[in-house]
Amino acid sequence: MQNELLSKKLEEFKKYITQFIVKQKSSVKSIHSLRVNGRELLSLVSADDPFSTELKKVIKQSNKIRDMDVFIQTYLGSLPKKYILKLDIKAIKKSIKKKRKKKIKKLRLYLKSLVIPQSAEFEQNVRNKSLKSRKIETLNQEELHKYRIYIKKRLYNEKNSTPLDEKRVEILIKVKDLLGEINDNYNGLKRLSRFAVKPKLFEKIQDFTNMENLRIFKEFKGIEDEYGYAL
């Protein structure tokens, strides 16, 4: 049953990659779908299987493109209008789009050379797999990123387990998304710092970003306090 599931996912992933290349997909939605499909497949493949390394490369490259998309569509859009009006948004977007095209081209070249096997080694004992839990007390990007990786592993494990614990999956998804928002904000601020932004303006945007992250962090801690058993 497990091998059948993995074989099915491999075939679906192969078809998606083919369509991605043939139709020269590059939209935000297409990149997101590529990442999601890749991560779901990776959760089923054993870390000892050579294909897992190739999958990680696909995810890594698509992540870089996704970060650019989030910066333009989400991070900049979340800033107060009074700050947006003082930024050279047109120049910023033009620069990001130029870099994005190069990343898309690099991703396509890699996908063309990617050999997707008909079968792979399945990740055994999914739910019983030992994952070391941790508790986050401070708003620290590095620690939160590590914790989010842990949460994503827990989530993929739960999704691939039977019977499915829908409530636990719901909680894990919520926590994953909240931590993702915090990380995206930190990355957005870092990317913005590479442009010619006046120091005082950047300081105000930094303060705004930090306050937003603190708000999200408090929401995350509330879930952790209430549903700690699921994490």
C-alpha atoms as a PDB file:
ATOM      1  CA  MET A   1       0.000   0.000   0.000  1.00  0.00           C
ATOM      2  CA  GLN A   2       2.809   2.400   0.959  1.00  0.00           C
ATOM      3  CA  ASN A   3       4.826   1.570  -2.160  1.00  0.00           C
ATOM      4  CA  GLU A   4       1.727   2.081  -4.298  1.00  0.00           C
ATOM      5  CA  LEU A   5       1.233   5.535  -2.766  1.00  0.00           C
ATOM      6  CA  LEU A   6       4.864   6.470  -3.415  1.00  0.00           C
ATOM      7  CA  SER A   7       4.758   5.173  -7.001  1.00  0.00           C
ATOM      8  CA  LYS A   8       1.584   7.179  -7.623  1.00  0.00           C
ATOM      9  CA  LYS A   9       3.182  10.358  -6.235  1.00  0.00           C
ATOM     10  CA  LEU A  10       6.297   9.813  -8.334  1.00  0.00           C
ATOM     11  CA  GLU A  11       4.196   9.480 -11.471  1.00  0.00           C
ATOM     12  CA  GLU A  12       2.167  12.590 -10.617  1.00  0.00           C
ATOM     13  CA  PHE A  13       5.353  14.559  -9.944  1.00  0.00           C
ATOM     14  CA  LYS A  14       6.839  13.415 -13.255  1.00  0.00           C
ATOM     15  CA  LYS A  15       3.735  14.587 -15.141  1.00  0.00           C
ATOM     16  CA  TYR A  16       3.800  17.961 -13.378  1.00  0.00           C
ATOM     17  CA  ILE A  17       7.486  18.481 -14.196  1.00  0.00           C
ATOM     18  CA  THR A  18       6.833  17.616 -17.833  1.00  0.00           C
ATOM     19  CA  GLN A  19       3.983  20.136 -18.032  1.00  0.00           C
ATOM     20  CA  PHE A  20       6.076  22.742 -16.213  1.00  0.00           C
ATOM     21  CA  ILE A  21       8.803  22.445 -18.856  1.00  0.00           C
ATOM     22  CA  VAL A  22       6.642  22.027 -21.956  1.00  0.00           C
ATOM     23  CA  LYS A  23       4.287  24.901 -21.101  1.00  0.00           C
ATOM     24  CA  GLN A  24       7.189  27.001 -19.765  1.00  0.00           C
ATOM     25  CA  LYS A  25       5.349  27.695 -16.547  1.00  0.00           C
ATOM     26  CA  SER A  26       6.636  30.525 -14.384  1.00  0.00           C
ATOM     27  CA  SER A  27       3.631  31.983 -12.547  1.00  0.00           C
ATOM     28  CA  VAL A  28       3.519  32.414  -8.787  1.00  0.00           C
ATOM     29  CA  LYS A  29       0.913  29.647  -8.614  1.00  0.00           C
ATOM     30  CA  SER A  30       3.062  27.280 -10.690  1.00  0.00           C
ATOM     31  CA  ILE A  31       6.105  27.782  -8.487  1.00  0.00           C
ATOM     32  CA  HIS A  32       3.991  27.250  -5.390  1.00  0.00           C
ATOM     33  CA  SER A  33       2.563  24.013  -6.816  1.00  0.00           C
ATOM     34  CA  LEU A  34       6.053  22.796  -7.675  1.00  0.00           C
ATOM     35  CA  ARG A  35       7.210  23.392  -4.100  1.00  0.00           C
ATOM     36  CA  VAL A  36       4.151  21.734  -2.568  1.00  0.00           C
ATOM     37  CA  ASN A  37       4.362  18.681  -4.832  1.00  0.00           C
ATOM     38  CA  GLY A  38       8.072  18.394  -4.192  1.00  0.00           C
ATOM     39  CA  ARG A  39       7.712  18.629  -0.421  1.00  0.00           C
ATOM     40  CA  GLU A  40       4.869  16.113  -0.294  1.00  0.00           C
ATOM     41  CA  LEU A  41       6.893  13.648  -2.353  1.00  0.00           C
ATOM     42  CA  LEU A  42      10.003  14.253  -0.243  1.00  0.00           C
ATOM     43  CA  SER A  43       8.023  13.361   2.877  1.00  0.00           C
ATOM     44  CA  LEU A  44       7.450   9.898   1.426  1.00  0.00           C
ATOM     45  CA  VAL A  45      10.970   9.206   0.174  1.00  0.00           C
ATOM     46  CA  SER A  46      13.585   7.831   2.538  1.00  0.00           C
ATOM     47  CA  ALA A  47      16.462  10.188   3.318  1.00  0.00           C
ATOM     48  CA  ASP A  48      18.786   7.346   2.303  1.00  0.00           C
ATOM     49  CA  ASP A  49      17.379   7.239  -1.210  1.00  0.00           C
ATOM     50  CA  PRO A  50      19.536   9.193  -3.730  1.00  0.00           C
ATOM     51  CA  PHE A  51      16.423  10.773  -5.247  1.00  0.00           C
ATOM     52  CA  SER A  52      15.749  12.650  -2.014  1.00  0.00           C
ATOM     53  CA  THR A  53      18.868  14.736  -2.675  1.00  0.00           C
ATOM     54  CA  GLU A  54      17.603  15.645  -6.151  1.00  0.00           C
ATOM     55  CA  LEU A  55      14.212  16.586  -4.751  1.00  0.00           C
ATOM     56  CA  LYS A  56      15.815  18.875  -2.186  1.00  0.00           C
ATOM     57  CA  LYS A  57      17.574  20.731  -5.010  1.00  0.00           C
ATOM     58  CA  VAL A  58      14.242  21.303  -6.770  1.00  0.00           C
ATOM     59  CA  ILE A  59      12.711  22.603  -3.552  1.00  0.00           C
ATOM     60  CA  LYS A  60      15.707  24.830  -2.809  1.00  0.00           C
ATOM     61  CA  GLN A  61      15.647  26.453  -6.257  1.00  0.00           C
ATOM     62  CA  SER A  62      11.878  26.957  -6.221  1.00  0.00           C
ATOM     63  CA  ASN A  63      12.118  28.407  -2.700  1.00  0.00           C
ATOM     64  CA  LYS A  64      14.419  31.169  -3.959  1.00  0.00           C
ATOM     65  CA  ILE A  65      11.867  32.158  -6.589  1.00  0.00           C
ATOM     66  CA  ARG A  66       9.022  31.907  -4.104  1.00  0.00           C
ATOM     67  CA  ASP A  67      10.850  34.273  -1.718  1.00  0.00           C
ATOM     68  CA  MET A  68      11.000  36.892  -4.461  1.00  0.00           C
ATOM     69  CA  ASP A  69       7.278  36.477  -5.113  1.00  0.00           C
ATOM     70  CA  VAL A  70       6.441  36.854  -1.429  1.00  0.00           C
ATOM     71  CA  PHE A  71       8.610  39.953  -1.190  1.00  0.00           C
ATOM     72  CA  ILE A  72       6.776  41.697  -4.028  1.00  0.00           C
ATOM     73  CA  GLN A  73       3.241  40.452  -3.431  1.00  0.00           C
ATOM     74  CA  THR A  74       3.084  40.103   0.336  1.00  0.00           C
ATOM     75  CA  TYR A  75       5.848  41.925   2.193  1.00  0.00           C
ATOM     76  CA  LEU A  76       5.813  45.189   0.248  1.00  0.00           C
ATOM     77  CA  GLY A  77       2.028  45.060   0.143  1.00  0.00           C
ATOM     78  CA  SER A  78       1.866  44.770   3.933  1.00  0.00           C
ATOM     79  CA  LEU A  79       3.788  47.992   4.544  1.00  0.00           C
ATOM     80  CA  PRO A  80       1.828  51.128   5.481  1.00  0.00           C
ATOM     81  CA  LYS A  81       1.039  53.377   2.529  1.00  0.00           C
ATOM     82  CA  LYS A  82       3.071  56.236   4.062  1.00  0.00           C
ATOM     83  CA  TYR A  83       6.210  54.103   3.721  1.00  0.00           C
ATOM     84  CA  ILE A  84       5.321  52.702   0.302  1.00  0.00           C
ATOM     85  CA  LEU A  85       5.026  56.224  -1.128  1.00  0.00           C
ATOM     86  CA  LYS A  86       8.608  56.958  -0.071  1.00  0.00           C
ATOM     87  CA  LEU A  87      10.042  53.835  -1.701  1.00  0.00           C
ATOM     88  CA  ASP A  88      10.995  53.525  -5.363  1.00  0.00           C
ATOM     89  CA  ILE A  89       8.645  50.566  -5.793  1.00  0.00           C
ATOM     90  CA  LYS A  90       8.932  50.574  -9.590  1.00  0.00           C
ATOM     91  CA  ALA A  91      12.727  50.200  -9.496  1.00  0.00           C
ATOM     92  CA  ILE A  92      12.547  47.558  -6.762  1.00  0.00           C
ATOM     93  CA  LYS A  93      10.020  45.428  -8.641  1.00  0.00           C
ATOM     94  CA  LYS A  94      11.951  45.779 -11.908  1.00  0.00           C
ATOM     95  CA  SER A  95      15.124  44.537 -10.231  1.00  0.00           C
ATOM     96  CA  ILE A  96      13.380  41.584  -8.573  1.00  0.00           C
ATOM     97  CA  LYS A  97      11.603  40.543 -11.778  1.00  0.00           C
ATOM     98  CA  LYS A  98      14.899  40.567 -13.677  1.00  0.00           C
ATOM     99  CA  LYS A  99      16.518  38.290 -11.102  1.00  0.00           C
ATOM    100  CA  ARG A 100      13.425  36.081 -11.049  1.00  0.00           C
ATOM    101  CA  LYS A 101      13.668  35.424 -14.785  1.00  0.00           C
ATOM    102  CA  LYS A 102      17.238  34.212 -14.335  1.00  0.00           C
ATOM    103  CA  LYS A 103      16.203  31.904 -11.487  1.00  0.00           C
ATOM    104  CA  ILE A 104      13.331  30.498 -13.570  1.00  0.00           C
ATOM    105  CA  LYS A 105      15.718  29.764 -16.420  1.00  0.00           C
ATOM    106  CA  LYS A 106      18.119  27.998 -14.065  1.00  0.00           C
ATOM    107  CA  LEU A 107      15.257  25.977 -12.544  1.00  0.00           C
ATOM    108  CA  ARG A 108      14.003  24.863 -15.965  1.00  0.00           C
ATOM    109  CA  LEU A 109      17.470  23.687 -16.984  1.00  0.00           C
ATOM    110  CA  TYR A 110      17.721  21.626 -13.824  1.00  0.00           C
ATOM    111  CA  LEU A 111      14.268  20.116 -14.249  1.00  0.00           C
ATOM    112  CA  LYS A 112      15.105  19.087 -17.808  1.00  0.00           C
ATOM    113  CA  SER A 113      18.038  17.048 -16.504  1.00  0.00           C
ATOM    114  CA  LEU A 114      16.095  15.612 -13.551  1.00  0.00           C
ATOM    115  CA  VAL A 115      15.581  11.857 -13.748  1.00  0.00           C
ATOM    116  CA  ILE A 116      12.483  10.808 -11.821  1.00  0.00           C
ATOM    117  CA  PRO A 117      12.589   7.107 -10.894  1.00  0.00           C
ATOM    118  CA  GLN A 118       9.607   4.787 -11.179  1.00  0.00           C
ATOM    119  CA  SER A 119      10.140   3.726  -7.582  1.00  0.00           C
ATOM    120  CA  ALA A 120      12.066   4.844  -4.515  1.00  0.00           C
ATOM    121  CA  GLU A 121      12.665   3.747  -0.943  1.00  0.00           C
ATOM    122  CA  PHE A 122       9.669   4.570   1.230  1.00  0.00           C
ATOM    123  CA  GLU A 123      10.064   6.427   4.540  1.00  0.00           C
ATOM    124  CA  GLN A 124       9.051   3.747   7.041  1.00  0.00           C
ATOM    125  CA  ASN A 125       7.291   4.070  10.408  1.00  0.00           C
ATOM    126  CA  VAL A 126       6.102   7.576   9.716  1.00  0.00           C
ATOM    127  CA  ARG A 127       4.084   8.392  12.824  1.00  0.00           C
ATOM    128  CA  ASN A 128       6.385   6.554  15.193  1.00  0.00           C
ATOM    129  CA  LYS A 129       9.467   8.232  13.810  1.00  0.00           C
ATOM    130  CA  SER A 130      11.345  10.012  16.581  1.00  0.00           C
ATOM    131  CA  LEU A 131      11.182  13.789  16.271  1.00  0.00           C
ATOM    132  CA  LYS A 132      12.693  15.788  19.068  1.00  0.00           C
ATOM    133  CA  SER A 133      10.263  18.425  20.263  1.00  0.00           C
ATOM    134  CA  ARG A 134      11.462  21.846  21.304  1.00  0.00           C
ATOM    135  CA  LYS A 135       9.905  24.898  22.917  1.00  0.00           C
ATOM    136  CA  ILE A 136      10.536  28.385  21.569  1.00  0.00           C
ATOM    137  CA  GLU A 137      10.612  31.186  24.102  1.00  0.00           C
ATOM    138  CA  THR A 138      12.048  34.135  22.156  1.00  0.00           C
ATOM    139  CA  LEU A 139      11.433  35.810  18.808  1.00  0.00           C
ATOM    140  CA  ASN A 140      14.619  34.688  17.070  1.00  0.00           C
ATOM    141  CA  GLN A 141      14.622  34.074  13.320  1.00  0.00           C
ATOM    142  CA  GLU A 142      17.192  31.282  13.330  1.00  0.00           C
ATOM    143  CA  GLU A 143      15.508  29.362  16.141  1.00  0.00           C
ATOM    144  CA  LEU A 144      12.041  29.868  14.661  1.00  0.00           C
ATOM    145  CA  HIS A 145      13.268  28.636  11.275  1.00  0.00           C
ATOM    146  CA  LYS A 146      14.657  25.462  12.851  1.00  0.00           C
ATOM    147  CA  TYR A 147      11.408  24.973  14.737  1.00  0.00           C
ATOM    148  CA  ARG A 148       9.393  25.424  11.544  1.00  0.00           C
ATOM    149  CA  ILE A 149      11.433  22.671   9.893  1.00  0.00           C
ATOM    150  CA  TYR A 150      10.539  20.443  12.826  1.00  0.00           C
ATOM    151  CA  ILE A 151       6.846  21.402  12.512  1.00  0.00           C
ATOM    152  CA  LYS A 152       6.848  20.650   8.783  1.00  0.00           C
ATOM    153  CA  LYS A 153       8.319  17.205   9.439  1.00  0.00           C
ATOM    154  CA  ARG A 154       5.619  16.577  12.026  1.00  0.00           C
ATOM    155  CA  LEU A 155       2.983  17.759   9.564  1.00  0.00           C
ATOM    156  CA  TYR A 156       4.168  15.553   6.711  1.00  0.00           C
ATOM    157  CA  ASN A 157       4.430  12.604   9.078  1.00  0.00           C
ATOM    158  CA  GLU A 158       0.861  13.118  10.242  1.00  0.00           C
ATOM    159  CA  LYS A 159      -0.459  13.517   6.703  1.00  0.00           C
ATOM    160  CA  ASN A 160       1.130  10.199   5.723  1.00  0.00           C
ATOM    161  CA  SER A 161      -0.145   8.331   8.782  1.00  0.00           C
ATOM    162  CA  THR A 162      -3.307   6.328   9.305  1.00  0.00           C
ATOM    163  CA  PRO A 163      -5.743   6.978  10.760  1.00  0.00           C
ATOM    164  CA  LEU A 164      -5.460  10.663   9.892  1.00  0.00           C
ATOM    165  CA  ASP A 165      -5.644  12.977  12.908  1.00  0.00           C
ATOM    166  CA  GLU A 166      -7.370  15.924  11.210  1.00  0.00           C
ATOM    167  CA  LYS A 167      -7.287  18.192  14.273  1.00  0.00           C
ATOM    168  CA  ARG A 168      -3.562  17.703  14.757  1.00  0.00           C
ATOM    169  CA  VAL A 169      -2.943  18.364  11.066  1.00  0.00           C
ATOM    170  CA  GLU A 170      -5.029  21.553  11.275  1.00  0.00           C
ATOM    171  CA  ILE A 171      -2.992  22.815  14.246  1.00  0.00           C
ATOM    172  CA  LEU A 172       0.339  21.973  12.632  1.00  0.00           C
ATOM    173  CA  ILE A 173      -0.653  23.782   9.420  1.00  0.00           C
ATOM    174  CA  LYS A 174      -1.652  26.879  11.401  1.00  0.00           C
ATOM    175  CA  VAL A 175       1.652  26.927  13.298  1.00  0.00           C
ATOM    176  CA  LYS A 176       3.636  26.313  10.094  1.00  0.00           C
ATOM    177  CA  ASP A 177       1.908  29.238   8.382  1.00  0.00           C
ATOM    178  CA  LEU A 178       2.418  31.623  11.304  1.00  0.00           C
ATOM    179  CA  LEU A 179       6.105  30.805  11.560  1.00  0.00           C
ATOM    180  CA  GLY A 180       6.330  31.165   7.785  1.00  0.00           C
ATOM    181  CA  GLU A 181       4.887  34.685   7.998  1.00  0.00           C
ATOM    182  CA  ILE A 182       7.522  35.673  10.548  1.00  0.00           C
ATOM    183  CA  ASN A 183      10.321  34.252   8.424  1.00  0.00           C
ATOM    184  CA  ASP A 184       8.971  35.942   5.289  1.00  0.00           C
ATOM    185  CA  ASN A 185       8.904  39.287   7.088  1.00  0.00           C
ATOM    186  CA  TYR A 186      12.500  38.920   8.233  1.00  0.00           C
ATOM    187  CA  ASN A 187      13.568  37.915   4.725  1.00  0.00           C
ATOM    188  CA  GLY A 188      11.567  40.752   3.195  1.00  0.00           C
ATOM    189  CA  LEU A 189      13.274  43.300   5.421  1.00  0.00           C
ATOM    190  CA  LYS A 190      16.669  41.828   4.572  1.00  0.00           C
ATOM    191  CA  ARG A 191      15.924  41.970   0.836  1.00  0.00           C
ATOM    192  CA  LEU A 192      14.693  45.568   1.139  1.00  0.00           C
ATOM    193  CA  SER A 193      17.973  46.534   2.830  1.00  0.00           C
ATOM    194  CA  ARG A 194      19.792  45.768  -0.435  1.00  0.00           C
ATOM    195  CA  PHE A 195      18.080  48.699  -2.121  1.00  0.00           C
ATOM    196  CA  ALA A 196      18.773  52.387  -1.747  1.00  0.00           C
ATOM    197  CA  VAL A 197      16.393  53.152   1.109  1.00  0.00           C
ATOM    198  CA  LYS A 198      16.993  56.203   3.290  1.00  0.00           C
ATOM    199  CA  PRO A 199      18.272  55.141   6.749  1.00  0.00           C
ATOM    200  CA  LYS A 200      15.466  56.819   8.706  1.00  0.00           C
ATOM    201  CA  LEU A 201      12.813  55.305   6.461  1.00  0.00           C
ATOM    202  CA  PHE A 202      14.394  51.871   6.698  1.00  0.00           C
ATOM    203  CA  GLU A 203      14.484  52.172  10.486  1.00  0.00           C
ATOM    204  CA  LYS A 204      10.757  52.910  10.564  1.00  0.00           C
ATOM    205  CA  ILE A 205      10.016  49.961   8.275  1.00  0.00           C
ATOM    206  CA  GLN A 206      12.197  47.762  10.448  1.00  0.00           C
ATOM    207  CA  ASP A 207      10.275  48.829  13.565  1.00  0.00           C
ATOM    208  CA  PHE A 208       6.986  48.118  11.785  1.00  0.00           C
ATOM    209  CA  THR A 209       8.197  44.662  10.685  1.00  0.00           C
ATOM    210  CA  ASN A 210       9.395  43.809  14.177  1.00  0.00           C
ATOM    211  CA  MET A 211       6.041  44.812  15.658  1.00  0.00           C
ATOM    212  CA  GLU A 212       4.197  42.673  13.103  1.00  0.00           C
ATOM    213  CA  ASN A 213       6.419  39.714  13.904  1.00  0.00           C
ATOM    214  CA  LEU A 214       5.839  40.186  17.618  1.00  0.00           C
ATOM    215  CA  ARG A 215       2.082  40.145  17.006  1.00  0.00           C
ATOM    216  CA  ILE A 216       2.334  36.917  14.992  1.00  0.00           C
ATOM    217  CA  PHE A 217       4.677  35.377  17.554  1.00  0.00           C
ATOM    218  CA  LYS A 218       2.157  36.035  20.334  1.00  0.00           C
ATOM    219  CA  GLU A 219      -0.528  34.298  18.261  1.00  0.00           C
ATOM    220  CA  PHE A 220       1.796  31.336  17.783  1.00  0.00           C
ATOM    221  CA  LYS A 221       2.537  31.168  21.536  1.00  0.00           C
ATOM    222  CA  GLY A 222      -1.187  31.175  22.239  1.00  0.00           C
ATOM    223  CA  ILE A 223      -1.640  28.107  20.036  1.00  0.00           C
ATOM    224  CA  GLU A 224       1.398  26.475  21.611  1.00  0.00           C
ATOM    225  CA  ASP A 225      -0.028  27.015  25.101  1.00  0.00           C
ATOM    226  CA  GLU A 226      -3.456  25.655  24.133  1.00  0.00           C
ATOM    227  CA  TYR A 227      -2.480  22.805  21.811  1.00  0.00           C
ATOM    228  CA  GLY A 228       1.040  21.934  22.923  1.00  0.00           C
ATOM    229  CA  TYR A 229       0.155  18.233  22.841  1.00  0.00           C
ATOM    230  CA  ALA A 230      -0.151  18.411  19.048  1.00  0.00           C
ATOM    231  CA  LEU A 231       3.279  19.917  18.542  1.00  0.00           C
END
